Amino acid sequence: MHSLLSFNEAEFVSQTQSLVALRPQIEKVVDRLVDEGYDNILLVGAGGTYAQMWPYEHLARRTSLLPVRAAVAAELVVSGDARLGERTVAVFTSVSGTTEDSLSAIDYCKSRGAHTIAFTGIADSPVAQNVDVALISEPKAWPFDVQLLLFLGRLLSHRGEFEGYERLADELAGLPRILVDVARQAEPVAAAFADAHKDNDYHFLIGGGNLWGFTYLYSMCILEEMQWLRTTRVHSAEFFHGSLELLEADTSVIIFQGEDETRALTDRAEAFAKRVSKDVTVFDTRDYALEGISPEFRGLLAPLVLDTVMDRVSKHLERARDHSLDLRRYYRVMDY
């Protein structure tokens, strides 16, 4: 079996296991919140961690009467939120545990009496130390979908708004193996995409539903930040309201396709894009077996699956373009 480029399988499995292993702690925290009472949830992030909140805001919006909102950390501090108070649960995520915007937002939420929770991999980091409850995975474990899905799933299950939560949580135990299988299957696709697009300096990205957050994240945090490539990102439902005018025959179009109710919207955008561009690439979670995951839960895991797939693409772009994913000109390099 061929090795995967820049992929430490043992580390990946260990990190993913550490996320799944948080289930008892997450459920204990949620059960206590239910006992103590709460009125609304704020999912607070910055950049990629903000975008990673969107699928869970989306889940709550379409299945629950509970007010759940994703908030940009820096904007929350200056604009506020009328609902924010002593019966608010504010949830934060941070890989490094040092994100300044998130730290400011934690202080702000605490000043308003909110209960603060953080998911991070660094127990002695400022983020972990400043919240009321910190749930710690292994360092550098990413993304945060497992924790957020368990947290919100348990919360909504208590409200009678998430059927089958226990079964989903049980099935998530198989994720380390499942995602390694996804990575292996994606490897040749990723290598081929990177080799074919190493000279492209512009990509047009389309996604919808619970993949809109990932579309935004991959566009801004990977292609722009880590590869210095120009991108346009558009929600599949909004594609026909302006951004489609940028398409030309040689435009690289990247489409992220999941398995929720918005799939038809992305299908429609794909069909049009293929009428104009000769370079349309679709990354579809349906292509992956996800053995052990029930059909009704596959759509919920789309962001996690595509994060694994596109990590392979990122590593091959790094190789093909000879541009390190760690190279920055401004981010955390200059003061701003």
Protein backbone atom coordinates (compact mmCIF):
# COMPACT_ATOMS: atom_id res chain seq x y z
CA MET A 1 0.00 0.00 0.00
CA HIS A 2 1.45 3.35 -1.01
CA SER A 3 2.30 5.86 1.70
CA LEU A 4 0.45 9.16 1.73
CA LEU A 5 2.31 12.40 1.14
CA SER A 6 3.08 14.29 4.38
CA PHE A 7 0.64 12.09 6.30
CA ASN A 8 1.53 10.63 9.66
CA GLU A 9 -1.13 7.95 9.97
CA ALA A 10 -0.34 7.05 13.59
CA GLU A 11 -0.56 10.70 14.63
CA PHE A 12 -3.75 11.27 12.62
CA VAL A 13 -5.43 8.23 14.19
CA SER A 14 -4.30 9.22 17.68
CA GLN A 15 -5.54 12.79 17.26
CA THR A 16 -8.90 11.68 15.87
CA GLN A 17 -9.28 9.16 18.69
CA SER A 18 -8.64 11.96 21.18
CA LEU A 19 -11.58 13.89 19.70
CA VAL A 20 -13.95 10.93 19.84
CA ALA A 21 -12.76 10.18 23.39
CA LEU A 22 -14.13 13.54 24.57
CA ARG A 23 -17.68 12.21 24.29
CA PRO A 24 -18.19 11.42 28.02
CA GLN A 25 -16.80 14.82 29.06
CA ILE A 26 -18.89 16.67 26.47
CA GLU A 27 -22.06 14.84 27.50
CA LYS A 28 -21.37 15.56 31.17
CA VAL A 29 -20.96 19.28 30.42
CA VAL A 30 -24.14 19.36 28.32
CA ASP A 31 -26.15 17.48 30.94
CA ARG A 32 -25.05 19.97 33.58
CA LEU A 33 -26.04 22.89 31.33
CA VAL A 34 -29.46 21.34 30.89
CA ASP A 35 -29.83 20.98 34.67
CA GLU A 36 -28.71 24.55 35.34
CA GLY A 37 -30.68 26.10 32.48
CA TYR A 38 -29.70 28.15 29.46
CA ASP A 39 -31.54 30.15 26.80
CA ASN A 40 -29.21 30.46 23.82
CA ILE A 41 -25.91 29.31 22.33
CA LEU A 42 -23.18 31.45 20.79
CA LEU A 43 -20.59 29.65 18.64
CA VAL A 44 -17.67 32.06 18.57
CA GLY A 45 -14.64 31.84 16.26
CA ALA A 46 -12.18 33.73 14.11
CA GLY A 47 -11.25 32.85 10.55
CA GLY A 48 -11.29 29.08 10.11
CA THR A 49 -12.74 28.42 13.54
CA TYR A 50 -15.59 30.84 12.78
CA ALA A 51 -16.33 29.07 9.48
CA GLN A 52 -16.27 25.72 11.29
CA MET A 53 -19.17 26.88 13.44
CA TRP A 54 -21.51 27.40 10.48
CA PRO A 55 -22.56 23.75 9.94
CA TYR A 56 -23.73 23.61 13.56
CA GLU A 57 -25.59 26.89 13.40
CA HIS A 58 -27.13 25.45 10.20
CA LEU A 59 -28.05 22.19 11.97
CA ALA A 60 -29.74 24.01 14.83
CA ARG A 61 -31.53 26.45 12.56
CA ARG A 62 -33.25 23.73 10.56
CA THR A 63 -34.01 21.30 13.41
CA SER A 64 -34.40 23.32 16.59
CA LEU A 65 -36.24 26.26 18.13
CA LEU A 66 -33.17 26.95 20.28
CA PRO A 67 -31.41 30.21 19.32
CA VAL A 68 -27.95 29.16 18.12
CA ARG A 69 -25.75 31.71 16.37
CA ALA A 70 -22.23 31.68 14.97
CA ALA A 71 -20.39 34.91 15.78
CA VAL A 72 -17.15 36.51 14.59
CA ALA A 73 -15.10 37.00 17.74
CA ALA A 74 -13.83 40.51 16.97
CA GLU A 75 -17.23 41.74 15.78
CA LEU A 76 -19.00 40.30 18.81
CA VAL A 77 -16.82 42.40 21.11
CA VAL A 78 -17.54 45.70 19.33
CA SER A 79 -21.16 45.07 18.24
CA GLY A 80 -22.46 42.91 21.05
CA ASP A 81 -25.41 40.55 20.96
CA ALA A 82 -28.74 41.42 22.55
CA ARG A 83 -29.24 37.84 23.74
CA LEU A 84 -25.83 37.57 25.41
CA GLY A 85 -26.21 37.23 29.16
CA GLU A 86 -26.16 34.91 32.14
CA ARG A 87 -28.23 32.27 30.33
CA THR A 88 -25.94 32.20 27.29
CA VAL A 89 -23.52 29.37 26.58
CA ALA A 90 -20.58 30.68 24.54
CA VAL A 91 -18.51 28.02 22.78
CA PHE A 92 -14.98 28.67 21.48
CA THR A 93 -12.47 26.59 19.50
CA SER A 94 -8.77 27.21 18.99
CA VAL A 95 -5.98 24.92 17.81
CA SER A 96 -3.21 26.99 19.39
CA GLY A 97 -5.24 28.35 22.28
CA THR A 98 -3.69 31.76 21.66
CA THR A 99 -6.03 33.45 19.14
CA GLU A 100 -6.19 37.07 20.31
CA ASP A 101 -9.64 37.81 18.90
CA SER A 102 -11.05 34.77 20.66
CA LEU A 103 -9.40 35.71 23.95
CA SER A 104 -10.97 39.15 23.79
CA ALA A 105 -14.36 37.57 23.03
CA ILE A 106 -14.01 35.18 25.98
CA ASP A 107 -13.40 38.13 28.30
CA TYR A 108 -16.35 39.98 26.78
CA CYS A 109 -18.73 37.02 27.13
CA LYS A 110 -17.64 36.44 30.74
CA SER A 111 -18.19 40.12 31.51
CA ARG A 112 -21.80 39.65 30.40
CA GLY A 113 -22.19 36.62 32.65
CA ALA A 114 -22.15 33.94 29.94
CA HIS A 115 -20.94 30.40 30.60
CA THR A 116 -17.84 29.82 28.45
CA ILE A 117 -16.63 26.53 26.99
CA ALA A 118 -13.58 25.92 24.81
CA PHE A 119 -12.30 23.06 22.70
CA THR A 120 -8.53 23.14 22.21
CA GLY A 121 -5.48 20.90 22.22
CA ILE A 122 -3.36 22.92 24.64
CA ALA A 123 -4.40 22.63 28.29
CA ASP A 124 -2.22 25.45 29.59
CA SER A 125 -3.01 27.86 26.75
CA PRO A 126 -4.65 31.25 27.39
CA VAL A 127 -7.92 30.14 25.80
CA ALA A 128 -8.10 26.98 27.94
CA GLN A 129 -7.17 28.89 31.09
CA ASN A 130 -9.67 31.72 30.59
CA VAL A 131 -12.90 29.79 29.96
CA ASP A 132 -15.14 28.17 32.56
CA VAL A 133 -14.72 24.71 31.01
CA ALA A 134 -11.93 23.56 28.67
CA LEU A 135 -12.20 20.23 26.86
CA ILE A 136 -8.75 19.17 25.71
CA SER A 137 -7.87 16.94 22.77
CA GLU A 138 -4.38 16.06 21.58
CA PRO A 139 -2.31 19.03 20.33
CA LYS A 140 -2.94 20.12 16.73
CA ALA A 141 -6.04 17.91 16.43
CA TRP A 142 -8.23 19.40 13.72
CA PRO A 143 -10.99 19.98 12.73
CA PHE A 144 -13.44 20.58 15.60
CA ASP A 145 -16.45 18.98 13.91
CA VAL A 146 -16.48 15.92 16.18
CA GLN A 147 -16.68 18.00 19.37
CA LEU A 148 -19.24 20.42 17.96
CA LEU A 149 -21.43 17.61 16.62
CA LEU A 150 -21.35 15.77 19.94
CA PHE A 151 -21.99 18.97 21.90
CA LEU A 152 -24.89 20.24 19.82
CA GLY A 153 -26.23 16.76 19.13
CA ARG A 154 -26.47 15.98 22.85
CA LEU A 155 -28.03 19.39 23.54
CA LEU A 156 -30.68 18.99 20.84
CA SER A 157 -31.30 15.38 21.87
CA HIS A 158 -32.27 16.60 25.35
CA ARG A 159 -34.80 18.88 23.67
CA GLY A 160 -36.29 16.09 21.59
CA GLU A 161 -34.89 17.71 18.44
CA PHE A 162 -32.21 15.19 17.45
CA GLU A 163 -33.42 11.65 16.91
CA GLY A 164 -30.78 8.94 17.06
CA TYR A 165 -28.06 10.95 18.80
CA GLU A 166 -26.83 7.97 20.86
CA ARG A 167 -26.48 5.87 17.71
CA LEU A 168 -24.60 8.64 15.91
CA ALA A 169 -22.26 9.14 18.87
CA ASP A 170 -21.59 5.38 18.99
CA GLU A 171 -20.84 5.31 15.26
CA LEU A 172 -18.35 8.20 15.58
CA ALA A 173 -16.06 5.80 17.48
CA GLY A 174 -15.14 4.37 14.07
CA LEU A 175 -13.99 7.73 12.67
CA PRO A 176 -10.21 7.22 12.97
CA ARG A 177 -10.35 4.18 10.67
CA ILE A 178 -13.05 5.66 8.43
CA LEU A 179 -11.10 8.88 7.81
CA VAL A 180 -7.85 7.05 7.11
CA ASP A 181 -9.77 5.12 4.43
CA VAL A 182 -11.04 8.45 3.06
CA ALA A 183 -7.50 9.86 2.96
CA ARG A 184 -6.18 6.79 1.13
CA GLN A 185 -8.95 6.91 -1.46
CA ALA A 186 -8.48 10.66 -1.99
CA GLU A 187 -4.69 10.51 -2.42
CA PRO A 188 -4.53 9.81 -6.20
CA VAL A 189 -7.34 12.30 -6.86
CA ALA A 190 -5.49 14.94 -4.85
CA ALA A 191 -2.19 14.31 -6.61
CA ALA A 192 -3.84 14.54 -10.03
CA PHE A 193 -5.65 17.79 -9.14
CA ALA A 194 -2.49 19.43 -7.82
CA ASP A 195 -0.40 18.42 -10.82
CA ALA A 196 -3.06 19.68 -13.23
CA HIS A 197 -3.50 22.98 -11.39
CA LYS A 198 -0.04 23.85 -10.13
CA ASP A 199 0.12 26.87 -12.44
CA ASN A 200 -3.42 28.14 -11.78
CA ASP A 201 -3.39 31.38 -9.81
CA TYR A 202 -7.19 31.61 -9.41
CA HIS A 203 -9.90 29.19 -8.26
CA PHE A 204 -13.68 29.60 -8.05
CA LEU A 205 -15.22 27.63 -5.17
CA ILE A 206 -18.88 26.64 -4.74
CA GLY A 207 -20.58 24.91 -1.80
CA GLY A 208 -23.82 25.04 0.13
CA GLY A 209 -25.69 23.78 3.17
CA ASN A 210 -23.41 22.51 5.88
CA LEU A 211 -20.48 22.68 3.44
CA TRP A 212 -20.69 26.44 2.94
CA GLY A 213 -18.50 26.97 5.99
CA PHE A 214 -15.89 24.57 4.62
CA THR A 215 -16.05 26.26 1.22
CA TYR A 216 -15.28 29.61 2.88
CA LEU A 217 -12.56 28.04 5.03
CA TYR A 218 -10.78 26.26 2.20
CA SER A 219 -10.92 29.34 0.00
CA MET A 220 -9.66 31.81 2.60
CA CYS A 221 -7.57 29.81 5.06
CA ILE A 222 -5.90 27.36 2.67
CA LEU A 223 -5.78 28.65 -0.90
CA GLU A 224 -5.43 32.33 0.04
CA GLU A 225 -3.54 32.21 3.33
CA MET A 226 -1.41 29.12 2.79
CA GLN A 227 -0.91 29.20 -0.98
CA TRP A 228 -1.35 32.91 -1.82
CA LEU A 229 -3.84 32.08 -4.56
CA ARG A 230 -6.72 34.32 -5.58
CA THR A 231 -10.17 32.84 -5.10
CA THR A 232 -13.86 33.57 -5.37
CA ARG A 233 -16.12 31.67 -2.98
CA VAL A 234 -19.89 31.61 -3.36
CA HIS A 235 -22.78 29.76 -1.74
CA SER A 236 -24.41 27.45 -4.26
CA ALA A 237 -27.79 29.11 -3.61
CA GLU A 238 -26.23 32.52 -4.37
CA PHE A 239 -24.19 31.46 -7.40
CA PHE A 240 -26.78 32.75 -9.88
CA HIS A 241 -26.93 36.20 -8.31
CA GLY A 242 -23.69 37.68 -9.60
CA SER A 243 -20.61 35.53 -9.17
CA LEU A 244 -21.38 33.33 -12.17
CA GLU A 245 -20.32 36.26 -14.43
CA LEU A 246 -16.70 35.54 -13.50
CA LEU A 247 -16.71 32.12 -15.16
CA GLU A 248 -14.71 31.63 -18.35
CA ALA A 249 -13.76 28.55 -20.32
CA ASP A 250 -10.48 28.09 -18.45
CA THR A 251 -11.68 29.02 -14.94
CA SER A 252 -10.80 26.38 -12.34
CA VAL A 253 -14.07 25.67 -10.54
CA ILE A 254 -13.97 23.61 -7.34
CA ILE A 255 -17.32 22.28 -6.13
CA PHE A 256 -17.89 20.79 -2.70
CA GLN A 257 -20.88 18.46 -2.73
CA GLY A 258 -22.46 16.92 0.35
CA GLU A 259 -25.49 14.83 1.18
CA ASP A 260 -27.91 17.17 2.91
CA GLU A 261 -31.09 18.77 1.56
CA THR A 262 -29.12 21.48 -0.28
CA ARG A 263 -27.49 18.99 -2.63
CA ALA A 264 -29.87 19.94 -5.45
CA LEU A 265 -28.76 23.58 -5.23
CA THR A 266 -25.12 22.58 -5.70
CA ASP A 267 -26.10 20.22 -8.53
CA ARG A 268 -27.71 23.17 -10.30
CA ALA A 269 -24.59 25.32 -9.93
CA GLU A 270 -22.39 22.44 -11.12
CA ALA A 271 -24.52 21.89 -14.23
CA PHE A 272 -24.20 25.55 -15.20
CA ALA A 273 -20.49 25.76 -14.41
CA LYS A 274 -19.83 22.81 -16.71
CA ARG A 275 -21.62 24.60 -19.55
CA VAL A 276 -19.06 27.40 -19.37
CA SER A 277 -15.81 26.05 -17.90
CA LYS A 278 -13.82 23.09 -19.14
CA ASP A 279 -12.12 22.82 -15.74
CA VAL A 280 -14.72 21.84 -13.13
CA THR A 281 -13.65 19.56 -10.27
CA VAL A 282 -16.28 18.10 -7.94
CA PHE A 283 -15.33 16.74 -4.52
CA ASP A 284 -18.36 14.70 -3.44
CA THR A 285 -18.77 12.95 -0.09
CA ARG A 286 -20.95 10.34 -1.81
CA ASP A 287 -17.77 8.92 -3.35
CA TYR A 288 -16.61 7.67 0.05
CA ALA A 289 -17.97 4.53 1.73
CA LEU A 290 -17.83 5.73 5.38
CA GLU A 291 -18.29 2.13 6.48
CA GLY A 292 -20.18 1.94 9.76
CA ILE A 293 -21.96 5.27 9.38
CA SER A 294 -25.75 5.08 8.97
CA PRO A 295 -27.13 6.66 5.78
CA GLU A 296 -29.11 9.27 7.72
CA PHE A 297 -25.94 10.57 9.41
CA ARG A 298 -23.69 10.79 6.34
CA GLY A 299 -24.79 14.33 5.53
CA LEU A 300 -23.81 15.54 9.00
CA LEU A 301 -20.26 14.27 8.48
CA ALA A 302 -19.73 16.01 5.13
CA PRO A 303 -17.49 18.80 6.51
CA LEU A 304 -15.30 16.26 8.30
CA VAL A 305 -15.01 14.02 5.24
CA LEU A 306 -14.13 16.87 2.89
CA ASP A 307 -11.63 18.28 5.38
CA THR A 308 -9.81 14.94 5.15
CA VAL A 309 -10.07 14.86 1.34
CA MET A 310 -8.91 18.44 0.87
CA ASP A 311 -6.04 18.03 3.31
CA ARG A 312 -4.65 15.59 0.75
CA VAL A 313 -5.16 18.21 -1.98
CA SER A 314 -3.41 20.84 0.15
CA LYS A 315 -0.38 18.64 0.73
CA HIS A 316 -0.10 17.92 -2.99
CA LEU A 317 -0.50 21.60 -3.90
CA GLU A 318 2.35 22.30 -1.50
CA ARG A 319 4.47 19.74 -3.37
CA ALA A 320 3.45 20.63 -6.91
CA ARG A 321 3.73 24.39 -6.39
CA ASP A 322 6.80 24.21 -4.14
CA HIS A 323 5.02 26.55 -1.73
CA SER A 324 5.05 25.57 1.95
CA LEU A 325 1.69 25.53 3.71
CA ASP A 326 3.46 27.12 6.69
CA LEU A 327 4.76 30.16 4.79
CA ARG A 328 3.20 33.52 5.70
CA ARG A 329 3.95 37.10 4.73
CA TYR A 330 1.65 38.88 7.15
CA TYR A 331 -0.46 36.56 9.32
CA ARG A 332 1.13 36.41 12.78
CA VAL A 333 4.23 37.91 11.16
CA MET A 334 3.36 41.61 11.21
CA ASP A 335 1.53 43.59 13.85
CA TYR A 336 -1.99 44.67 12.90
